Protein backbone atom coordinates (compact mmCIF):
# COMPACT_ATOMS: atom_id res chain seq x y z
CA MET A 1 3.70 -14.82 -19.97
CA CYS A 2 3.69 -17.82 -17.31
CA ARG A 3 0.40 -16.43 -14.45
CA ARG A 4 1.05 -17.58 -11.10
CA ARG A 5 -1.82 -19.31 -9.73
CA VAL A 6 -2.25 -20.11 -5.83
CA SER A 7 -4.80 -23.20 -4.71
CA LYS A 8 -4.95 -24.20 -1.31
CA LEU A 9 -1.01 -22.71 -0.16
CA GLY A 10 0.54 -23.45 -3.59
CA LEU A 11 1.92 -22.09 -6.52
CA GLY A 12 4.82 -23.20 -9.17
CA CYS A 13 5.21 -21.58 -12.90
CA HIS A 14 7.99 -22.12 -15.23
CA VAL A 15 9.17 -19.37 -17.56
CA GLY A 16 12.24 -20.91 -19.31
CA THR A 17 12.91 -22.85 -22.08
CA ARG A 18 13.60 -25.85 -20.64
CA ASP A 19 11.51 -28.81 -18.48
CA GLY A 20 12.22 -28.55 -15.14
CA SER A 21 11.60 -28.81 -11.12
CA GLU A 22 10.57 -26.13 -8.65
CA VAL A 23 10.23 -25.73 -4.84
CA VAL A 24 7.43 -24.05 -3.88
CA GLN A 25 8.22 -22.69 -0.34
CA ILE A 26 5.47 -21.59 2.40
CA TYR A 27 6.39 -19.37 5.00
CA VAL A 28 4.60 -17.88 8.23
CA LYS A 29 4.63 -14.31 10.39
CA ASP A 30 3.38 -14.38 12.91
CA PRO A 31 0.87 -11.84 14.16
CA SER A 32 2.12 -8.53 15.73
CA GLY A 33 1.77 -7.63 19.18
CA LEU A 34 2.20 -11.51 20.74
CA GLY A 35 3.13 -12.08 24.62
CA VAL A 36 6.08 -13.59 23.34
CA VAL A 37 9.18 -13.51 20.63
CA PRO A 38 7.50 -13.68 17.36
CA TYR A 39 9.14 -15.38 14.72
CA TRP A 40 9.85 -12.96 11.20
CA ARG A 41 9.12 -15.71 8.46
CA ARG A 42 9.76 -19.43 8.90
CA LEU A 43 9.10 -22.09 6.61
CA VAL A 44 6.23 -24.14 7.47
CA GLY A 45 6.20 -26.64 4.47
CA PHE A 46 7.43 -27.44 0.87
CA ASP A 47 6.55 -29.31 -1.94
CA LYS A 48 8.80 -30.01 -5.26
CA VAL A 49 6.59 -30.40 -8.44
CA PHE A 50 8.03 -30.82 -12.17
CA VAL A 51 7.00 -28.21 -14.38
CA LYS A 52 7.28 -29.02 -18.02
CA ALA A 53 8.61 -24.87 -19.73
CA GLY A 54 5.89 -22.40 -19.82
CA THR A 55 3.27 -24.12 -17.69
CA THR A 56 1.98 -23.44 -14.92
CA VAL A 57 1.11 -25.85 -12.32
CA THR A 58 -0.98 -26.58 -8.67
CA ALA A 59 1.26 -27.46 -5.93
CA THR A 60 -0.98 -28.03 -2.72
CA VAL A 61 1.23 -28.07 0.92
CA GLY A 62 -0.46 -28.94 3.94
CA VAL A 63 0.04 -26.33 6.95
CA ARG A 64 -0.73 -28.05 10.60
CA TRP A 65 -1.45 -26.65 13.97
CA LEU A 66 1.88 -27.34 14.76
CA HIS A 67 3.63 -25.12 11.83
CA LEU A 68 2.27 -22.20 13.17
CA ALA A 69 1.89 -22.98 16.96
CA GLN A 70 4.63 -21.89 20.05
CA TYR A 71 5.05 -21.72 23.34
CA ASP A 72 3.40 -19.31 26.08
CA THR A 73 4.09 -17.93 29.52
CA ASP A 74 2.94 -21.34 30.76
CA MET A 75 4.87 -23.49 28.57
CA THR A 76 2.11 -24.69 26.25
CA LEU A 77 1.78 -24.76 23.11
CA ARG A 78 -0.48 -22.83 21.10
CA VAL A 79 -1.44 -21.20 17.99
CA PHE A 80 -2.55 -17.28 19.37
CA PRO A 81 -4.87 -15.45 17.62
CA GLY A 82 -4.72 -12.90 15.24
CA VAL A 83 -3.15 -11.86 10.96
CA TYR A 84 -0.79 -14.39 10.14
CA THR A 85 0.46 -13.59 6.66
CA VAL A 86 1.00 -16.69 4.36
CA PHE A 87 4.08 -16.01 1.81
CA ILE A 88 4.29 -18.37 -1.53
CA GLY A 89 7.50 -18.79 -3.54
CA ASP A 90 10.38 -20.32 -4.52
CA ARG A 91 13.09 -19.72 -2.03
CA SER A 92 13.10 -17.37 1.34
CA ASP A 93 13.83 -13.48 -0.35
CA VAL A 94 11.53 -14.42 -2.85
CA THR A 95 8.05 -15.01 -2.69
CA PRO A 96 5.53 -13.13 -4.60
CA LEU A 97 2.83 -13.71 -3.11
CA ALA A 98 1.74 -12.55 0.82
CA ILE A 99 -2.04 -13.65 1.87
CA PRO A 100 -3.23 -12.60 5.42
CA ILE A 101 -5.16 -15.57 7.31
CA THR A 102 -7.03 -14.48 10.23
CA LEU A 103 -7.05 -16.88 13.13
């Protein structure tokens, strides 16, 4: 069985019998209780990696503040304080890792 490793914001795991590519996707859920309408879950980064059969690789996906920012009521783009949840997986409905991050 292949174990999943997290390095920064990424993972890659391939348990098949053939070599192939994997797209590591990073999604973020905004903190609850914001004065603006939060996004439920939005794609903020991805990386395509080549993985040999039965191996694990590490993908590093950078997330900039702009990817987390929203406009406040004064139309100023900013990152709201709170607990963001970072989801990591290979598609939006399959995100086996969820990491809370406080900003």
